[in-house]
């Protein structure tokens, strides 16, 4: 048997979560989204640097 106050606790937690999203206290995206974007930017910079290194290396090669 479910205690009657458990439904009230669930409704209260749901209301609090909705308010957190409403007032932008919590982000809707996962916490690791910024890390993924930073990692993608680092990967792009590394690829560009490798391509530039190969181009310069081939031009300097006799």
PDB file of N, CA and C in Angstrom:
ATOM      1  N   UNK A   1       0.833  -1.187   0.000  1.00  0.00           N
ATOM      2  CA  UNK A   1       0.000   0.000   0.000  1.00  0.00           C
ATOM      3  C   UNK A   1       0.876   1.248   0.000  1.00  0.00           C
ATOM      4  N   UNK A   2       0.582   2.202  -0.868  1.00  0.00           N
ATOM      5  CA  UNK A   2       1.355   3.435  -0.993  1.00  0.00           C
ATOM      6  C   UNK A   2       0.839   4.447   0.028  1.00  0.00           C
ATOM      7  N   UNK A   3       1.747   5.030   0.819  1.00  0.00           N
ATOM      8  CA  UNK A   3       1.293   6.052   1.767  1.00  0.00           C
ATOM      9  C   UNK A   3       0.735   7.260   1.023  1.00  0.00           C
ATOM     10  N   UNK A   4      -0.274   7.925   1.566  1.00  0.00           N
ATOM     11  CA  UNK A   4      -0.904   9.034   0.845  1.00  0.00           C
ATOM     12  C   UNK A   4       0.013  10.228   0.640  1.00  0.00           C
ATOM     13  N   UNK A   5       0.995  10.400   1.516  1.00  0.00           N
ATOM     14  CA  UNK A   5       1.876  11.558   1.369  1.00  0.00           C
ATOM     15  C   UNK A   5       2.893  11.377   0.251  1.00  0.00           C
ATOM     16  N   UNK A   6       3.125  10.167  -0.232  1.00  0.00           N
ATOM     17  CA  UNK A   6       4.103   9.965  -1.299  1.00  0.00           C
ATOM     18  C   UNK A   6       3.651  10.636  -2.591  1.00  0.00           C
ATOM     19  N   UNK A   7       2.353  10.634  -2.855  1.00  0.00           N
ATOM     20  CA  UNK A   7       1.846  11.326  -4.037  1.00  0.00           C
ATOM     21  C   UNK A   7       2.063  12.826  -3.899  1.00  0.00           C
ATOM     22  N   UNK A   8       1.870  13.344  -2.698  1.00  0.00           N
ATOM     23  CA  UNK A   8       2.101  14.774  -2.468  1.00  0.00           C
ATOM     24  C   UNK A   8       3.575  15.123  -2.633  1.00  0.00           C
ATOM     25  N   UNK A   9       4.454  14.263  -2.155  1.00  0.00           N
ATOM     26  CA  UNK A   9       5.890  14.501  -2.331  1.00  0.00           C
ATOM     27  C   UNK A   9       6.274  14.483  -3.806  1.00  0.00           C
ATOM     28  N   UNK A  10       5.728  13.542  -4.548  1.00  0.00           N
ATOM     29  CA  UNK A  10       6.012  13.461  -5.979  1.00  0.00           C
ATOM     30  C   UNK A  10       5.512  14.705  -6.703  1.00  0.00           C
ATOM     31  N   UNK A  11       4.302  15.142  -6.399  1.00  0.00           N
ATOM     32  CA  UNK A  11       3.743  16.333  -7.055  1.00  0.00           C
ATOM     33  C   UNK A  11       4.553  17.574  -6.693  1.00  0.00           C
ATOM     34  N   UNK A  12       5.015  17.654  -5.456  1.00  0.00           N
ATOM     35  CA  UNK A  12       5.809  18.801  -5.039  1.00  0.00           C
ATOM     36  C   UNK A  12       7.159  18.810  -5.758  1.00  0.00           C
ATOM     37  N   UNK A  13       7.803  17.665  -5.875  1.00  0.00           N
ATOM     38  CA  UNK A  13       9.091  17.614  -6.569  1.00  0.00           C
ATOM     39  C   UNK A  13       8.920  17.923  -8.054  1.00  0.00           C
ATOM     40  N   UNK A  14       7.825  17.480  -8.642  1.00  0.00           N
ATOM     41  CA  UNK A  14       7.553  17.797 -10.043  1.00  0.00           C
ATOM     42  C   UNK A  14       7.345  19.295 -10.226  1.00  0.00           C
ATOM     43  N   UNK A  15       6.629  19.915  -9.307  1.00  0.00           N
ATOM     44  CA  UNK A  15       6.389  21.361  -9.377  1.00  0.00           C
ATOM     45  C   UNK A  15       7.705  22.128  -9.242  1.00  0.00           C
ATOM     46  N   UNK A  16       8.556  21.699  -8.325  1.00  0.00           N
ATOM     47  CA  UNK A  16       9.840  22.374  -8.125  1.00  0.00           C
ATOM     48  C   UNK A  16      10.712  22.231  -9.366  1.00  0.00           C
ATOM     49  N   UNK A  17      10.750  21.031  -9.964  1.00  0.00           N
ATOM     50  CA  UNK A  17      11.548  20.839 -11.180  1.00  0.00           C
ATOM     51  C   UNK A  17      11.045  21.712 -12.319  1.00  0.00           C
ATOM     52  N   UNK A  18       9.746  21.842 -12.463  1.00  0.00           N
ATOM     53  CA  UNK A  18       9.191  22.689 -13.521  1.00  0.00           C
ATOM     54  C   UNK A  18       9.567  24.143 -13.296  1.00  0.00           C
ATOM     55  N   UNK A  19       9.580  24.580 -12.051  1.00  0.00           N
ATOM     56  CA  UNK A  19       9.955  25.958 -11.764  1.00  0.00           C
ATOM     57  C   UNK A  19      11.432  26.192 -12.040  1.00  0.00           C
ATOM     58  N   UNK A  20      12.272  25.206 -11.757  1.00  0.00           N
ATOM     59  CA  UNK A  20      13.699  25.362 -12.026  1.00  0.00           C
ATOM     60  C   UNK A  20      13.955  25.546 -13.517  1.00  0.00           C
ATOM     61  N   UNK A  21      13.252  24.786 -14.353  1.00  0.00           N
ATOM     62  CA  UNK A  21      13.406  24.948 -15.793  1.00  0.00           C
ATOM     63  C   UNK A  21      12.772  26.244 -16.266  1.00  0.00           C
ATOM     64  N   UNK A  22      11.666  26.651 -15.655  1.00  0.00           N
ATOM     65  CA  UNK A  22      10.959  27.858 -16.066  1.00  0.00           C
ATOM     66  C   UNK A  22      11.814  29.093 -15.841  1.00  0.00           C
ATOM     67  N   UNK A  23      12.506  29.147 -14.706  1.00  0.00           N
ATOM     68  CA  UNK A  23      13.314  30.316 -14.372  1.00  0.00           C
ATOM     69  C   UNK A  23      14.765  30.157 -14.794  1.00  0.00           C
ATOM     70  N   UNK A  24      15.071  29.184 -15.622  1.00  0.00           N
ATOM     71  CA  UNK A  24      16.423  28.934 -16.142  1.00  0.00           C
ATOM     72  C   UNK A  24      17.446  28.716 -15.036  1.00  0.00           C
ATOM     73  N   UNK A  25      17.013  28.148 -13.933  1.00  0.00           N
ATOM     74  CA  UNK A  25      17.968  27.798 -12.894  1.00  0.00           C
ATOM     75  C   UNK A  25      18.721  26.540 -13.320  1.00  0.00           C
ATOM     76  N   UNK A  26      18.030  25.654 -14.002  1.00  0.00           N
ATOM     77  CA  UNK A  26      18.668  24.451 -14.533  1.00  0.00           C
ATOM     78  C   UNK A  26      18.659  24.522 -16.054  1.00  0.00           C
ATOM     79  N   UNK A  27      19.692  23.966 -16.654  1.00  0.00           N
ATOM     80  CA  UNK A  27      19.744  23.916 -18.107  1.00  0.00           C
ATOM     81  C   UNK A  27      19.012  22.674 -18.582  1.00  0.00           C
ATOM     82  N   UNK A  28      18.383  22.801 -19.752  1.00  0.00           N
ATOM     83  CA  UNK A  28      17.671  21.644 -20.274  1.00  0.00           C
ATOM     84  C   UNK A  28      18.616  20.647 -20.939  1.00  0.00           C
ATOM     85  N   UNK A  29      19.785  21.125 -21.377  1.00  0.00           N
ATOM     86  CA  UNK A  29      20.760  20.234 -22.000  1.00  0.00           C
ATOM     87  C   UNK A  29      21.528  19.481 -20.914  1.00  0.00           C
ATOM     88  N   UNK A  30      22.075  18.328 -21.254  1.00  0.00           N
ATOM     89  CA  UNK A  30      22.866  17.589 -20.266  1.00  0.00           C
ATOM     90  C   UNK A  30      24.089  18.392 -19.827  1.00  0.00           C
ATOM     91  N   UNK A  31      24.613  18.060 -18.670  1.00  0.00           N
ATOM     92  CA  UNK A  31      25.724  18.823 -18.102  1.00  0.00           C
ATOM     93  C   UNK A  31      26.985  18.716 -18.937  1.00  0.00           C
ATOM     94  N   UNK A  32      27.111  17.671 -19.740  1.00  0.00           N
ATOM     95  CA  UNK A  32      28.344  17.463 -20.493  1.00  0.00           C
ATOM     96  C   UNK A  32      28.306  18.085 -21.889  1.00  0.00           C
ATOM     97  N   UNK A  33      27.250  18.823 -22.227  1.00  0.00           N
ATOM     98  CA  UNK A  33      27.151  19.419 -23.563  1.00  0.00           C
ATOM     99  C   UNK A  33      28.291  20.397 -23.817  1.00  0.00           C
ATOM    100  N   UNK A  34      28.613  21.223 -22.822  1.00  0.00           N
ATOM    101  CA  UNK A  34      29.707  22.178 -22.995  1.00  0.00           C
ATOM    102  C   UNK A  34      31.035  21.456 -23.188  1.00  0.00           C
ATOM    103  N   UNK A  35      31.235  20.352 -22.483  1.00  0.00           N
ATOM    104  CA  UNK A  35      32.463  19.573 -22.661  1.00  0.00           C
ATOM    105  C   UNK A  35      32.549  18.990 -24.067  1.00  0.00           C
ATOM    106  N   UNK A  36      31.420  18.520 -24.593  1.00  0.00           N
ATOM    107  CA  UNK A  36      31.410  17.982 -25.957  1.00  0.00           C
ATOM    108  C   UNK A  36      31.738  19.065 -26.978  1.00  0.00           C
ATOM    109  N   UNK A  37      31.179  20.259 -26.785  1.00  0.00           N
ATOM    110  CA  UNK A  37      31.473  21.355 -27.710  1.00  0.00           C
ATOM    111  C   UNK A  37      32.938  21.760 -27.627  1.00  0.00           C
ATOM    112  N   UNK A  38      33.481  21.842 -26.410  1.00  0.00           N
ATOM    113  CA  UNK A  38      34.903  22.169 -26.263  1.00  0.00           C
ATOM    114  C   UNK A  38      35.778  21.104 -26.921  1.00  0.00           C
ATOM    115  N   UNK A  39      35.423  19.851 -26.736  1.00  0.00           N
ATOM    116  CA  UNK A  39      36.182  18.770 -27.356  1.00  0.00           C
ATOM    117  C   UNK A  39      36.124  18.816 -28.869  1.00  0.00           C
ATOM    118  N   UNK A  40      34.963  19.166 -29.411  1.00  0.00           N
ATOM    119  CA  UNK A  40      34.824  19.277 -30.865  1.00  0.00           C
ATOM    120  C   UNK A  40      35.681  20.417 -31.401  1.00  0.00           C
ATOM    121  N   UNK A  41      35.708  21.530 -30.685  1.00  0.00           N
ATOM    122  CA  UNK A  41      36.531  22.658 -31.135  1.00  0.00           C
ATOM    123  C   UNK A  41      38.019  22.303 -31.087  1.00  0.00           C
ATOM    124  N   UNK A  42      38.441  21.609 -30.059  1.00  0.00           N
ATOM    125  CA  UNK A  42      39.842  21.187 -29.963  1.00  0.00           C
ATOM    126  C   UNK A  42      40.175  20.225 -31.100  1.00  0.00           C
ATOM    127  N   UNK A  43      39.259  19.319 -31.414  1.00  0.00           N
ATOM    128  CA  UNK A  43      39.491  18.373 -32.510  1.00  0.00           C
ATOM    129  C   UNK A  43      39.640  19.106 -33.840  1.00  0.00           C
ATOM    130  N   UNK A  44      38.820  20.131 -34.069  1.00  0.00           N
ATOM    131  CA  UNK A  44      38.917  20.907 -35.313  1.00  0.00           C
ATOM    132  C   UNK A  44      40.262  21.611 -35.388  1.00  0.00           C
ATOM    133  N   UNK A  45      40.691  22.216 -34.287  1.00  0.00           N
ATOM    134  CA  UNK A  45      41.980  22.916 -34.278  1.00  0.00           C
ATOM    135  C   UNK A  45      43.125  21.933 -34.519  1.00  0.00           C
ATOM    136  N   UNK A  46      43.074  20.762 -33.920  1.00  0.00           N
ATOM    137  CA  UNK A  46      44.132  19.756 -34.102  1.00  0.00           C
ATOM    138  C   UNK A  46      44.183  19.292 -35.551  1.00  0.00           C
ATOM    139  N   UNK A  47      43.035  19.055 -36.165  1.00  0.00           N
ATOM    140  CA  UNK A  47      43.000  18.615 -37.565  1.00  0.00           C
ATOM    141  C   UNK A  47      43.567  19.699 -38.476  1.00  0.00           C
ATOM    142  N   UNK A  48      43.194  20.953 -38.236  1.00  0.00           N
ATOM    143  CA  UNK A  48      43.722  22.053 -39.055  1.00  0.00           C
ATOM    144  C   UNK A  48      45.235  22.151 -38.892  1.00  0.00           C
ATOM    145  N   UNK A  49      45.730  22.018 -37.677  1.00  0.00           N
ATOM    146  CA  UNK A  49      47.176  22.083 -37.453  1.00  0.00           C
ATOM    147  C   UNK A  49      47.906  20.928 -38.141  1.00  0.00           C
ATOM    148  N   UNK A  50      47.339  19.738 -38.101  1.00  0.00           N
ATOM    149  CA  UNK A  50      47.968  18.591 -38.770  1.00  0.00           C
ATOM    150  C   UNK A  50      47.996  18.795 -40.277  1.00  0.00           C
ATOM    151  N   UNK A  51      46.908  19.305 -40.843  1.00  0.00           N
ATOM    152  CA  UNK A  51      46.869  19.556 -42.288  1.00  0.00           C
ATOM    153  C   UNK A  51      47.902  20.611 -42.663  1.00  0.00           C
ATOM    154  N   UNK A  52      47.979  21.693 -41.887  1.00  0.00           N
ATOM    155  CA  UNK A  52      48.987  22.724 -42.171  1.00  0.00           C
ATOM    156  C   UNK A  52      50.401  22.164 -42.054  1.00  0.00           C
ATOM    157  N   UNK A  53      50.633  21.328 -41.071  1.00  0.00           N
ATOM    158  CA  UNK A  53      51.954  20.721 -40.905  1.00  0.00           C
ATOM    159  C   UNK A  53      52.304  19.867 -42.114  1.00  0.00           C
ATOM    160  N   UNK A  54      51.358  19.062 -42.597  1.00  0.00           N
ATOM    161  CA  UNK A  54      51.627  18.218 -43.764  1.00  0.00           C
ATOM    162  C   UNK A  54      51.874  19.047 -45.018  1.00  0.00           C
ATOM    163  N   UNK A  55      51.112  20.120 -45.196  1.00  0.00           N
ATOM    164  CA  UNK A  55      51.297  20.976 -46.375  1.00  0.00           C
ATOM    165  C   UNK A  55      52.665  21.638 -46.338  1.00  0.00           C
ATOM    166  N   UNK A  56      53.031  22.182 -45.194  1.00  0.00           N
ATOM    167  CA  UNK A  56      54.338  22.842 -45.080  1.00  0.00           C
ATOM    168  C   UNK A  56      55.461  21.824 -45.220  1.00  0.00           C
ATOM    169  N   UNK A  57      55.302  20.633 -44.639  1.00  0.00           N
ATOM    170  CA  UNK A  57      56.334  19.606 -44.714  1.00  0.00           C
ATOM    171  C   UNK A  57      56.561  19.156 -46.152  1.00  0.00           C
ATOM    172  N   UNK A  58      55.476  19.027 -46.925  1.00  0.00           N
ATOM    173  CA  UNK A  58      55.626  18.593 -48.324  1.00  0.00           C
ATOM    174  C   UNK A  58      56.255  19.677 -49.191  1.00  0.00           C
ATOM    175  N   UNK A  59      55.989  20.953 -48.873  1.00  0.00           N
ATOM    176  CA  UNK A  59      56.604  22.032 -49.657  1.00  0.00           C
ATOM    177  C   UNK A  59      58.091  22.160 -49.359  1.00  0.00           C
ATOM    178  N   UNK A  60      58.492  21.857 -48.130  1.00  0.00           N
ATOM    179  CA  UNK A  60      59.900  21.970 -47.765  1.00  0.00           C
ATOM    180  C   UNK A  60      60.703  20.738 -48.154  1.00  0.00           C
ATOM    181  N   UNK A  61      60.026  19.646 -48.457  1.00  0.00           N
ATOM    182  CA  UNK A  61      60.704  18.406 -48.820  1.00  0.00           C
ATOM    183  C   UNK A  61      61.343  18.570 -50.208  1.00  0.00           C
ATOM    184  N   UNK A  62      62.646  18.214 -50.319  1.00  0.00           N
ATOM    185  CA  UNK A  62      63.332  18.401 -51.625  1.00  0.00           C
ATOM    186  C   UNK A  62      62.889  17.441 -52.703  1.00  0.00           C
TER     187      UNK A  62
END
